[in-house]
């Protein structure tokens, strides 16, 4: 069986009932999907499973979102306790909260 280069993500069916899917701008879900997809699936160096290093510019380029769309989405995701951020000199560390719960086949 051929493997998917770069791996895969799991998405709970209840995602389509979530606030970001139903009541927020479409690009916000695209941003959320991108962040979850870029998070480490295993501990690696400075970053643990469910974490990644990110810049607003990278999110904007990958999702075609404006800077303000990315900024507001990230603030919403923090408020909704979907992510936590930690600033650094060249970007930010993003932690996907509950990554382990949603990214395991046991659930």
Protein backbone atom coordinates (compact mmCIF):
# COMPACT_ATOMS: atom_id res chain seq x y z
CA UNK A 1 0.00 0.00 0.00
CA UNK A 2 1.35 3.42 -0.96
CA UNK A 3 1.88 5.91 1.87
CA UNK A 4 0.78 9.54 1.88
CA UNK A 5 3.85 11.76 1.67
CA UNK A 6 3.84 14.07 4.68
CA UNK A 7 1.32 12.01 6.63
CA UNK A 8 -2.33 12.73 7.35
CA UNK A 9 -4.66 14.42 9.85
CA UNK A 10 -7.77 13.16 11.57
CA UNK A 11 -10.90 15.32 11.74
CA UNK A 12 -13.78 14.60 14.07
CA UNK A 13 -17.17 14.60 12.37
CA UNK A 14 -18.42 17.05 14.98
CA UNK A 15 -16.08 19.64 13.42
CA UNK A 16 -18.85 20.55 10.97
CA UNK A 17 -20.98 21.60 13.96
CA UNK A 18 -18.25 23.77 15.47
CA UNK A 19 -18.38 27.55 15.77
CA UNK A 20 -15.43 28.10 13.43
CA UNK A 21 -17.03 25.94 10.75
CA UNK A 22 -20.59 27.28 10.96
CA UNK A 23 -20.42 30.88 12.19
CA UNK A 24 -17.04 32.34 11.29
CA UNK A 25 -15.60 33.54 7.98
CA UNK A 26 -14.72 30.65 5.66
CA UNK A 27 -11.04 31.57 5.61
CA UNK A 28 -10.86 31.09 9.38
CA UNK A 29 -11.50 27.35 8.99
CA UNK A 30 -8.85 27.26 6.29
CA UNK A 31 -6.41 28.89 8.73
CA UNK A 32 -7.40 26.44 11.49
CA UNK A 33 -6.95 23.49 9.13
CA UNK A 34 -3.51 24.81 8.12
CA UNK A 35 -2.36 25.20 11.73
CA UNK A 36 -3.47 21.70 12.73
CA UNK A 37 -1.80 20.31 9.60
CA UNK A 38 1.50 22.04 10.37
CA UNK A 39 1.64 20.90 14.01
CA UNK A 40 4.18 18.20 14.83
CA UNK A 41 2.66 14.72 14.97
CA UNK A 42 5.48 13.64 17.31
CA UNK A 43 7.98 15.32 19.62
CA UNK A 44 10.81 16.80 17.59
CA UNK A 45 13.59 19.04 18.90
CA UNK A 46 12.23 22.16 20.59
CA UNK A 47 8.64 21.39 19.64
CA UNK A 48 6.41 18.72 21.09
CA UNK A 49 3.53 16.82 19.53
CA UNK A 50 0.81 19.35 18.65
CA UNK A 51 3.18 22.33 18.43
CA UNK A 52 4.73 24.24 15.57
CA UNK A 53 6.73 27.36 14.84
CA UNK A 54 4.76 29.80 12.73
CA UNK A 55 4.75 33.31 11.30
CA UNK A 56 1.69 35.28 10.25
CA UNK A 57 3.33 35.70 6.83
CA UNK A 58 3.48 31.93 6.30
CA UNK A 59 -0.19 31.55 7.22
CA UNK A 60 -1.13 34.40 4.89
CA UNK A 61 0.81 32.91 1.98
CA UNK A 62 -0.53 29.39 2.49
CA UNK A 63 -4.19 30.34 2.97
CA UNK A 64 -4.39 33.52 0.87
CA UNK A 65 -5.84 35.28 3.93
CA UNK A 66 -5.10 38.91 4.73
CA UNK A 67 -3.00 39.87 7.73
CA UNK A 68 -6.11 41.09 9.58
CA UNK A 69 -7.98 37.84 8.85
CA UNK A 70 -5.09 35.80 10.26
CA UNK A 71 -4.71 38.08 13.27
CA UNK A 72 -8.42 37.96 14.14
CA UNK A 73 -8.60 34.21 13.60
CA UNK A 74 -5.59 33.54 15.83
CA UNK A 75 -7.12 35.77 18.54
CA UNK A 76 -10.41 33.87 18.25
CA UNK A 77 -8.65 30.49 18.43
CA UNK A 78 -6.85 31.62 21.58
CA UNK A 79 -10.10 32.93 23.11
CA UNK A 80 -11.86 29.66 22.23
CA UNK A 81 -8.98 27.71 23.84
CA UNK A 82 -8.19 25.94 20.60
CA UNK A 83 -4.59 27.17 20.57
CA UNK A 84 -2.02 28.79 22.82
CA UNK A 85 0.74 31.01 21.46
CA UNK A 86 4.14 32.02 22.71
CA UNK A 87 5.97 34.84 20.95
CA UNK A 88 9.58 34.53 19.90
CA UNK A 89 11.96 36.91 18.13
CA UNK A 90 11.22 35.50 14.67
CA UNK A 91 7.63 34.24 14.98
CA UNK A 92 5.58 32.29 17.48
CA UNK A 93 5.19 28.84 18.90
CA UNK A 94 1.65 27.58 18.49
CA UNK A 95 0.29 24.76 20.61
CA UNK A 96 -2.87 23.06 19.41
CA UNK A 97 -4.82 22.40 22.59
CA UNK A 98 -6.27 18.87 22.77
CA UNK A 99 -4.16 17.79 19.80
CA UNK A 100 -3.64 14.34 21.33
CA UNK A 101 -7.37 13.85 21.88
CA UNK A 102 -8.33 14.67 18.29
CA UNK A 103 -5.31 13.18 16.54
CA UNK A 104 -5.55 9.60 17.72
CA UNK A 105 -7.54 6.77 16.21
CA UNK A 106 -8.53 5.54 19.67
CA UNK A 107 -11.16 8.28 19.87
